[in-house]
Protein backbone atom coordinates (compact mmCIF):
# COMPACT_ATOMS: atom_id res chain seq x y z
CA UNK A 1 -14.71 44.38 -22.96
CA UNK A 2 -15.44 45.78 -26.49
CA UNK A 3 -14.56 49.11 -27.35
CA UNK A 4 -12.36 50.62 -29.92
CA UNK A 5 -9.57 48.60 -31.98
CA UNK A 6 -6.42 48.49 -30.00
CA UNK A 7 -3.78 50.96 -31.58
CA UNK A 8 -0.26 51.46 -31.63
CA UNK A 9 0.70 53.81 -28.81
CA UNK A 10 4.83 53.80 -28.77
CA UNK A 11 7.63 51.70 -30.54
CA UNK A 12 11.08 51.62 -29.18
CA UNK A 13 13.98 50.74 -31.01
CA UNK A 14 17.56 50.05 -29.46
CA UNK A 15 18.54 46.57 -29.26
CA UNK A 16 20.79 44.86 -31.60
CA UNK A 17 19.21 41.40 -31.90
CA UNK A 18 16.04 39.80 -31.26
CA UNK A 19 14.17 41.05 -28.33
CA UNK A 20 13.46 37.72 -26.16
CA UNK A 21 10.95 39.09 -23.36
CA UNK A 22 9.54 42.22 -21.75
CA UNK A 23 7.68 43.37 -18.43
CA UNK A 24 6.25 46.72 -17.37
CA UNK A 25 7.16 48.39 -14.32
CA UNK A 26 4.46 48.13 -11.54
CA UNK A 27 3.81 51.85 -11.89
CA UNK A 28 3.44 51.57 -15.54
CA UNK A 29 5.70 54.36 -16.08
CA UNK A 30 8.75 51.91 -17.58
CA UNK A 31 9.38 49.06 -19.70
CA UNK A 32 12.13 46.45 -19.18
CA UNK A 33 13.31 44.27 -22.34
CA UNK A 34 15.84 41.47 -23.01
CA UNK A 35 17.64 40.44 -25.93
CA UNK A 36 20.12 37.97 -27.67
CA UNK A 37 22.49 40.83 -27.87
CA UNK A 38 23.54 40.27 -24.40
CA UNK A 39 21.76 43.60 -22.63
CA UNK A 40 18.41 44.41 -21.10
CA UNK A 41 17.14 47.77 -21.55
CA UNK A 42 14.72 50.28 -19.61
CA UNK A 43 12.58 52.20 -21.82
CA UNK A 44 10.83 55.19 -20.13
CA UNK A 45 7.40 56.38 -21.35
CA UNK A 46 8.35 60.39 -21.02
CA UNK A 47 9.51 61.37 -24.44
CA UNK A 48 12.68 63.23 -22.68
CA UNK A 49 14.01 60.56 -20.45
CA UNK A 50 16.58 58.46 -22.46
CA UNK A 51 16.35 54.70 -22.38
CA UNK A 52 19.13 52.92 -20.30
CA UNK A 53 21.09 49.72 -21.75
CA UNK A 54 22.45 47.67 -18.79
CA UNK A 55 25.50 45.41 -19.80
CA UNK A 56 26.78 42.42 -17.34
CA UNK A 57 25.77 39.14 -18.91
CA UNK A 58 28.32 37.41 -21.21
CA UNK A 59 25.61 35.99 -23.53
CA UNK A 60 22.15 36.24 -24.92
CA UNK A 61 19.34 37.37 -21.96
CA UNK A 62 16.50 34.87 -22.48
CA UNK A 63 13.79 36.32 -19.92
CA UNK A 64 13.66 39.67 -17.63
CA UNK A 65 11.18 40.98 -15.17
CA UNK A 66 10.40 43.81 -12.81
CA UNK A 67 10.11 42.71 -9.13
CA UNK A 68 6.60 43.83 -7.40
CA UNK A 69 7.91 46.92 -5.81
CA UNK A 70 9.62 47.94 -8.93
CA UNK A 71 13.11 48.37 -7.16
CA UNK A 72 14.73 45.31 -8.88
CA UNK A 73 14.95 43.76 -12.09
CA UNK A 74 15.85 40.14 -12.45
CA UNK A 75 17.44 38.79 -15.93
CA UNK A 76 18.05 35.11 -16.95
CA UNK A 77 20.84 34.38 -19.46
CA UNK A 78 22.50 31.83 -21.78
CA UNK A 79 25.66 32.51 -19.71
CA UNK A 80 23.79 30.27 -17.26
CA UNK A 81 23.57 33.14 -14.60
CA UNK A 82 20.69 35.07 -12.96
CA UNK A 83 21.26 38.71 -12.32
CA UNK A 84 19.36 41.13 -10.03
CA UNK A 85 19.65 44.82 -11.02
CA UNK A 86 18.84 47.99 -9.53
CA UNK A 87 17.17 49.85 -12.07
CA UNK A 88 18.78 53.39 -12.07
CA UNK A 89 21.80 55.28 -13.75
CA UNK A 90 24.06 53.24 -11.76
CA UNK A 91 22.86 49.77 -12.66
CA UNK A 92 24.16 47.75 -9.83
CA UNK A 93 23.69 43.99 -10.40
CA UNK A 94 24.59 40.71 -8.44
CA UNK A 95 24.71 37.27 -9.83
CA UNK A 96 23.16 33.90 -8.69
CA UNK A 97 24.70 30.79 -10.13
CA UNK A 98 23.44 27.36 -9.49
CA UNK A 99 22.37 26.12 -12.87
CA UNK A 100 24.74 24.08 -15.21
CA UNK A 101 23.30 25.19 -18.12
CA UNK A 102 21.20 27.98 -19.96
CA UNK A 103 18.56 29.87 -17.85
CA UNK A 104 15.40 30.50 -19.98
CA UNK A 105 12.85 31.84 -17.38
CA UNK A 106 13.09 33.95 -14.11
CA UNK A 107 9.98 35.50 -12.29
CA UNK A 108 9.83 36.98 -8.63
CA UNK A 109 6.87 35.65 -6.35
CA UNK A 110 3.99 37.86 -5.48
CA UNK A 111 5.70 39.25 -2.45
CA UNK A 112 8.72 39.86 -4.00
CA UNK A 113 10.65 37.48 -1.57
CA UNK A 114 11.45 34.96 -3.47
CA UNK A 115 12.87 34.15 -7.14
CA UNK A 116 11.94 31.37 -9.31
CA UNK A 117 14.35 30.15 -12.51
CA UNK A 118 14.15 27.48 -14.76
CA UNK A 119 16.99 25.96 -16.98
CA UNK A 120 18.11 23.88 -19.80
CA UNK A 121 19.75 21.48 -16.87
CA UNK A 122 15.93 20.31 -16.57
CA UNK A 123 15.50 21.79 -12.94
CA UNK A 124 13.25 24.51 -11.20
CA UNK A 125 15.19 26.68 -8.71
CA UNK A 126 13.78 28.59 -5.79
CA UNK A 127 15.96 31.45 -4.37
CA UNK A 128 15.62 34.01 -1.33
CA UNK A 129 15.82 37.27 -3.05
CA UNK A 130 17.28 39.56 -0.23
CA UNK A 131 19.72 37.09 1.44
CA UNK A 132 20.72 35.74 -2.17
CA UNK A 133 20.43 32.05 -0.93
CA UNK A 134 19.26 29.14 -2.92
CA UNK A 135 16.10 27.60 -1.20
CA UNK A 136 15.29 24.32 -3.32
CA UNK A 137 15.45 22.61 -6.63
CA UNK A 138 12.53 20.87 -8.49
CA UNK A 139 13.79 18.00 -10.79
CA UNK A 140 10.92 16.47 -11.96
CA UNK A 141 11.41 17.47 -15.86
CA UNK A 142 13.27 15.00 -18.18
CA UNK A 143 13.98 17.88 -20.73
CA UNK A 144 14.73 21.56 -20.83
CA UNK A 145 12.37 24.03 -18.75
CA UNK A 146 11.17 26.70 -21.22
CA UNK A 147 9.01 28.48 -18.36
CA UNK A 148 8.06 28.68 -14.71
CA UNK A 149 5.55 31.17 -13.18
CA UNK A 150 4.40 31.77 -9.43
CA UNK A 151 0.50 31.54 -8.89
CA UNK A 152 -0.98 34.82 -7.88
CA UNK A 153 -1.16 33.62 -4.20
CA UNK A 154 2.51 32.56 -4.34
CA UNK A 155 1.54 28.95 -3.22
CA UNK A 156 1.85 27.10 -6.42
CA UNK A 157 4.54 26.94 -9.32
CA UNK A 158 3.68 25.99 -12.86
CA UNK A 159 6.51 25.03 -15.30
CA UNK A 160 6.66 23.54 -18.91
CA UNK A 161 9.53 21.83 -20.56
CA UNK A 162 10.36 20.29 -23.80
CA UNK A 163 9.32 16.76 -22.33
CA UNK A 164 5.89 17.90 -23.41
CA UNK A 165 4.35 18.34 -20.05
CA UNK A 166 3.07 20.90 -17.94
CA UNK A 167 3.90 20.58 -14.17
CA UNK A 168 2.20 21.93 -11.02
CA UNK A 169 4.37 22.27 -7.78
CA UNK A 170 3.74 23.36 -4.06
CA UNK A 171 5.96 26.21 -3.62
CA UNK A 172 6.45 26.04 -0.37
CA UNK A 173 7.74 22.53 -0.16
CA UNK A 174 8.66 21.82 -3.77
CA UNK A 175 6.55 18.81 -4.23
CA UNK A 176 4.29 17.74 -7.31
CA UNK A 177 1.02 18.41 -7.58
CA UNK A 178 0.01 17.40 -11.13
CA UNK A 179 1.13 17.12 -14.43
CA UNK A 180 -0.55 18.04 -17.95
CA UNK A 181 0.42 16.10 -20.76
CA UNK A 182 0.77 17.48 -24.08
CA UNK A 183 0.05 14.95 -27.05
CA UNK A 184 1.22 17.21 -29.94
CA UNK A 185 4.18 19.65 -29.84
CA UNK A 186 6.20 21.12 -27.01
CA UNK A 187 4.85 23.85 -24.26
CA UNK A 188 6.82 27.16 -24.63
CA UNK A 189 5.13 29.01 -22.13
CA UNK A 190 2.62 29.06 -19.25
CA UNK A 191 0.85 31.75 -17.42
CA UNK A 192 -1.61 31.85 -14.39
CA UNK A 193 -5.22 33.28 -15.07
CA UNK A 194 -5.20 36.41 -12.47
CA UNK A 195 -7.90 34.49 -10.56
CA UNK A 196 -5.56 31.61 -9.98
CA UNK A 197 -8.27 28.85 -11.05
CA UNK A 198 -6.99 28.15 -14.64
CA UNK A 199 -3.70 28.13 -16.46
CA UNK A 200 -2.75 29.30 -19.98
CA UNK A 201 -0.17 27.52 -22.16
CA UNK A 202 1.38 27.94 -25.91
CA UNK A 203 2.34 25.20 -28.03
CA UNK A 204 4.91 24.72 -30.83
CA UNK A 205 1.88 23.43 -32.86
CA UNK A 206 0.38 27.33 -32.97
CA UNK A 207 -2.18 26.37 -30.21
CA UNK A 208 -3.35 28.48 -27.12
CA UNK A 209 -4.45 26.10 -24.31
CA UNK A 210 -6.30 27.09 -20.84
CA UNK A 211 -6.33 24.48 -18.31
CA UNK A 212 -8.69 24.45 -15.34
CA UNK A 213 -6.55 23.81 -12.37
CA UNK A 214 -9.12 22.48 -10.12
CA UNK A 215 -10.95 20.07 -12.22
CA UNK A 216 -7.76 19.47 -13.94
CA UNK A 217 -9.08 19.49 -17.39
CA UNK A 218 -8.87 21.55 -20.71
CA UNK A 219 -11.37 24.13 -20.78
CA UNK A 220 -10.59 26.41 -24.02
CA UNK A 221 -8.59 25.55 -27.01
CA UNK A 222 -7.45 28.18 -29.74
CA UNK A 223 -5.76 26.78 -32.77
CA UNK A 224 -4.93 30.35 -33.29
CA UNK A 225 -1.35 30.28 -35.25
CA UNK A 226 -0.09 28.93 -38.77
CA UNK A 227 3.25 28.72 -36.66
CA UNK A 228 4.74 27.98 -33.19
CA UNK A 229 3.12 29.89 -30.50
CA UNK A 230 5.71 31.85 -28.19
CA UNK A 231 4.05 33.61 -25.40
CA UNK A 232 0.77 34.42 -23.56
CA UNK A 233 -0.35 37.44 -21.10
CA UNK A 234 -3.67 37.48 -19.44
CA UNK A 235 -5.39 40.98 -19.13
CA UNK A 236 -5.91 41.73 -15.62
CA UNK A 237 -9.50 41.32 -15.66
CA UNK A 238 -9.13 37.80 -16.86
CA UNK A 239 -11.48 38.66 -19.68
CA UNK A 240 -8.86 38.53 -22.50
CA UNK A 241 -5.39 37.40 -23.35
CA UNK A 242 -2.47 38.34 -26.03
CA UNK A 243 -0.60 35.87 -27.73
CA UNK A 244 2.34 35.87 -30.02
CA UNK A 245 3.61 33.64 -32.53
CA UNK A 246 6.51 33.01 -35.11
CA UNK A 247 4.21 33.87 -37.87
CA UNK A 248 4.81 37.48 -37.08
CA UNK A 249 1.15 37.82 -35.68
CA UNK A 250 -0.37 38.67 -32.36
CA UNK A 251 -3.78 37.39 -31.36
CA UNK A 252 -6.42 38.91 -28.82
CA UNK A 253 -8.73 36.56 -27.56
CA UNK A 254 -12.00 36.72 -25.77
CA UNK A 255 -12.09 34.20 -22.97
CA UNK A 256 -15.75 34.80 -22.28
CA UNK A 257 -16.72 34.19 -25.82
CA UNK A 258 -14.19 31.79 -26.16
CA UNK A 259 -12.94 33.30 -29.62
CA UNK A 260 -10.06 34.85 -31.37
CA UNK A 261 -11.33 38.56 -31.26
CA UNK A 262 -8.41 40.44 -33.09
CA UNK A 263 -5.11 39.56 -35.42
CA UNK A 264 -2.51 42.09 -35.26
CA UNK A 265 -0.01 42.68 -37.84
CA UNK A 266 3.01 45.28 -37.30
CA UNK A 267 6.22 42.87 -36.45
CA UNK A 268 8.25 41.47 -39.11
CA UNK A 269 9.41 37.99 -38.16
CA UNK A 270 9.20 35.85 -35.19
CA UNK A 271 7.24 37.43 -32.10
CA UNK A 272 8.62 35.92 -28.86
CA UNK A 273 7.21 38.14 -26.40
CA UNK A 274 4.02 39.97 -25.26
CA UNK A 275 2.72 41.37 -21.76
CA UNK A 276 -0.17 43.34 -20.44
CA UNK A 277 0.73 46.34 -18.19
CA UNK A 278 -0.64 46.06 -14.71
CA UNK A 279 -3.59 48.45 -15.30
CA UNK A 280 -4.55 46.47 -18.54
CA UNK A 281 -4.65 49.75 -20.53
CA UNK A 282 -1.66 48.84 -22.70
CA UNK A 283 0.06 45.65 -23.86
CA UNK A 284 3.68 45.50 -25.35
CA UNK A 285 5.28 43.14 -27.90
CA UNK A 286 8.76 42.36 -28.92
CA UNK A 287 10.08 40.45 -32.01
CA UNK A 288 13.06 39.40 -33.92
CA UNK A 289 12.95 42.50 -36.02
CA UNK A 290 14.47 44.14 -32.90
CA UNK A 291 11.43 46.39 -32.34
CA UNK A 292 9.62 46.99 -29.26
CA UNK A 293 5.80 48.05 -29.41
CA UNK A 294 3.21 49.19 -26.95
CA UNK A 295 -0.28 49.07 -27.94
CA UNK A 296 -3.29 50.66 -26.11
CA UNK A 297 -6.01 48.11 -25.61
CA UNK A 298 -9.00 50.65 -25.61
CA UNK A 299 -11.15 47.83 -23.76
CA UNK A 300 -14.11 49.04 -21.74
CA UNK A 301 -13.81 48.70 -17.91
CA UNK A 302 -15.13 45.42 -16.41
CA UNK A 303 -15.04 43.63 -13.30
CA UNK A 304 -12.46 40.60 -12.64
CA UNK A 305 -13.36 37.51 -14.22
CA UNK A 306 -13.31 34.90 -11.26
CA UNK A 307 -13.48 31.71 -13.47
CA UNK A 308 -13.75 30.51 -17.15
CA UNK A 309 -16.36 28.62 -18.88
CA UNK A 310 -15.79 25.43 -20.88
CA UNK A 311 -15.61 26.09 -24.53
CA UNK A 312 -14.23 22.74 -25.75
CA UNK A 313 -17.80 21.30 -25.43
CA UNK A 314 -19.61 23.86 -27.38
CA UNK A 315 -21.41 22.64 -30.52
CA UNK A 316 -20.32 22.71 -34.01
CA UNK A 317 -23.00 25.00 -35.14
CA UNK A 318 -22.36 27.30 -32.35
CA UNK A 319 -18.67 27.29 -33.28
CA UNK A 320 -19.56 28.27 -36.77
CA UNK A 321 -21.62 31.25 -35.80
CA UNK A 322 -18.59 32.75 -33.98
CA UNK A 323 -17.45 35.83 -36.25
CA UNK A 324 -13.91 35.99 -37.70
CA UNK A 325 -11.29 38.05 -35.57
CA UNK A 326 -10.87 41.58 -36.78
CA UNK A 327 -7.65 42.39 -38.54
CA UNK A 328 -5.39 45.24 -37.35
CA UNK A 329 -2.26 46.36 -39.23
CA UNK A 330 0.19 49.21 -38.43
CA UNK A 331 3.07 50.18 -40.49
CA UNK A 332 6.57 51.82 -39.20
CA UNK A 333 8.61 54.47 -40.51
CA UNK A 334 10.57 53.25 -43.88
CA UNK A 335 13.74 51.28 -43.58
CA UNK A 336 16.84 53.07 -42.60
CA UNK A 337 20.47 51.52 -43.19
CA UNK A 338 21.89 49.62 -40.20
CA UNK A 339 24.49 52.58 -39.60
CA UNK A 340 22.02 55.14 -39.75
CA UNK A 341 19.73 53.36 -37.12
CA UNK A 342 22.60 52.40 -34.71
CA UNK A 343 23.63 56.23 -34.77
CA UNK A 344 19.91 57.36 -34.10
CA UNK A 345 19.69 54.79 -31.46
CA UNK A 346 22.96 55.78 -29.69
CA UNK A 347 21.65 59.34 -29.40
CA UNK A 348 18.50 57.85 -27.67
CA UNK A 349 20.26 55.38 -25.12
CA UNK A 350 22.54 55.63 -22.19
CA UNK A 351 24.74 52.51 -21.90
CA UNK A 352 25.53 51.14 -18.02
CA UNK A 353 28.47 48.66 -18.17
CA UNK A 354 28.63 46.99 -14.82
CA UNK A 355 31.89 45.31 -16.04
CA UNK A 356 34.12 48.48 -16.28
CA UNK A 357 32.14 50.43 -13.52
CA UNK A 358 34.95 50.35 -10.83
CA UNK A 359 37.39 51.59 -13.57
CA UNK A 360 34.99 54.69 -14.41
CA UNK A 361 34.60 55.41 -11.06
CA UNK A 362 38.16 55.70 -10.49
CA UNK A 363 38.63 57.88 -13.55
CA UNK A 364 35.81 59.92 -12.27
CA UNK A 365 37.47 60.75 -9.07
CA UNK A 366 40.77 61.40 -10.58
CA UNK A 367 39.15 63.97 -12.82
CA UNK A 368 37.48 65.73 -10.05
CA UNK A 369 40.87 66.19 -7.97
CA UNK A 370 41.37 70.15 -8.02
CA UNK A 371 38.22 71.56 -8.93
CA UNK A 372 38.01 72.99 -5.47
CA UNK A 373 35.29 72.55 -2.67
CA UNK A 374 32.62 71.42 -4.95
CA UNK A 375 34.87 68.64 -7.02
CA UNK A 376 36.03 67.77 -3.46
CA UNK A 377 32.57 67.12 -2.33
CA UNK A 378 31.54 65.36 -5.18
CA UNK A 379 34.70 63.08 -5.10
CA UNK A 380 33.77 62.45 -1.58
CA UNK A 381 30.27 61.53 -2.32
CA UNK A 382 31.43 59.30 -4.94
CA UNK A 383 33.56 57.67 -2.72
CA UNK A 384 31.25 56.97 0.09
CA UNK A 385 28.90 55.47 -2.41
CA UNK A 386 31.21 53.05 -3.91
CA UNK A 387 32.09 52.11 -0.72
CA UNK A 388 28.92 51.40 0.35
CA UNK A 389 28.21 49.40 -2.68
CA UNK A 390 31.60 47.57 -1.75
CA UNK A 391 30.27 46.65 1.56
CA UNK A 392 26.98 45.77 0.48
CA UNK A 393 28.66 43.11 -1.90
CA UNK A 394 30.86 42.04 0.97
CA UNK A 395 27.91 41.30 3.32
CA UNK A 396 26.28 39.20 0.56
CA UNK A 397 28.93 37.10 0.28
CA UNK A 398 29.44 36.70 3.94
CA UNK A 399 25.93 35.67 3.98
CA UNK A 400 26.60 33.05 1.52
CA UNK A 401 29.75 31.83 3.35
CA UNK A 402 28.08 31.75 6.70
CA UNK A 403 25.12 29.71 5.24
CA UNK A 404 27.76 27.25 3.77
CA UNK A 405 29.53 27.22 6.99
CA UNK A 406 26.36 26.53 8.81
CA UNK A 407 25.58 23.79 6.52
CA UNK A 408 28.85 22.47 7.03
CA UNK A 409 28.66 22.54 10.82
CA UNK A 410 25.33 20.63 10.72
CA UNK A 411 26.99 17.86 8.79
CA UNK A 412 29.98 17.49 10.93
CA UNK A 413 27.59 17.48 14.07
CA UNK A 414 25.23 14.76 12.71
CA UNK A 415 28.53 12.72 11.65
CA UNK A 416 29.93 13.00 15.14
CA UNK A 417 26.58 12.15 16.91
CA UNK A 418 26.27 8.90 14.39
CA UNK A 419 29.75 8.00 15.37
CA UNK A 420 29.17 8.46 19.16
CA UNK A 421 26.10 6.07 18.73
CA UNK A 422 28.08 3.72 16.85
CA UNK A 423 30.77 3.77 19.49
CA UNK A 424 28.40 3.45 22.33
CA UNK A 425 26.68 0.40 20.69
CA UNK A 426 29.85 -1.68 20.00
CA UNK A 427 30.97 -0.88 23.93
CA UNK A 428 27.78 -2.58 24.95
CA UNK A 429 28.45 -5.44 22.89
C-alpha cells in the first residue's frame, strides 16, 4: 500500500476539554467528536459550513459514532446515559438509561437496528434502536468495560475490560464464546479486522495486538509505544491500521509486513482517539490538546485483505532486517491566548442546546406573531414541527410502557397458572 507519506489535510478546534472519540459519517462529508466538555460536535468538510455543538449530556462524553445510514448519532457519557441524536440544526435527541455507572462505549450494529453499550457497571447491554427497547445484558466481566464492538457481520461482539480480558460473545443470544487473557496491563480498546477473522487490541503496556478469532491465538504483536496505547482503527482494506497513545504519537502499521511503517507527530498530550474514513482515503485523530486532525493517507489502492499472516513466529534475523518507521511531523499555528481561541471558535460554531430548545421555540413563535402572513406561516410550521416532535417522544414512551406492561402481564399469567396447578394438585391429594 506504499505511496506518498501521510499529510495533514484539515484540523478542527472548538472543544473546551479533551476530545475522547470520533467517527466519520458514512458519506465521508462529516466528522463527529465527543469530549469531556459534556458535548458532541459535528464538523463539516465544506469550509463554508459551520460546525455544530450539541449540548444535552450533564457530564463528560466518552464515545460517539454515526449509524450505518448516517441519519443518527449515538453518544455515551459519564452521566450514565446514552443519547441518540438526529444530526441536524435541531439536534433532537432521545435518552437510553439502564446502566448504573459511567458508559464508556457505544456502537451500532452493521445493519443499524441495534446498539451495544459498555459501562463501569461491568456489563455490556444490547438495545433495539427504533423501539428504544432494552434487549439483553451480558455480565461476564468482573471490572469496568472499556470498549465493545460488533463484528462486521453483526453476529459477534468483542468487549474488553479492566479485568484484563477480551471476551467474544454471540450477539444473537448474548452467550459467551471465548476469552483472551492479557497477562500484562489492561486492554483499553478492541476492533474487528474488516475481514472479520481477526481482532485488534491496545493495552496499557503500549502494545498493539492482533488475535486470530478462528485459531484463537496471537498473530501479531507490536510493542509500539512508550506509554499506554489507547485506540486503533483498521484501514478498510485490512492492510494497515492506525493506533494512538498517551505519548502523543500515532503509529501506522503495515499488517502484511508486520512492522510499524510510520510514526506521526502533531498532537500535544495524550491521543485517545483515531479512526479511518469509510473509503480509507483519510484518518482522523483527537487529543487532550482539544485538537481534531484529519490526515490524508496517500495509500495506493489495494484489494481487501482476507486474512493476516502470523508474524509472531518470525525469526530474530528477519525482525532485525525490518526498516525503522518513517517519521512525519506537522506543526500548527502558534499558540493563541485561551480568550482569543474561544472567541474565534465561537464565530465558527453553532451551539444546539437540547435542554432549552422548547423555551427557545416558544420564544421564536411569540416573536413571529404580528409579522403578517409570512410570519404566521412560519409560526404555524414551527408549531407543527414541535408538535410532531412531541408526538414522536410520546409514542416512544408509550412503546416503552407497553413493553413493561406486556412483561408484567406475562408474569401475572405465569403466576396464575402456577397457582392453579398447585391448587389442582392439592385438591387431588
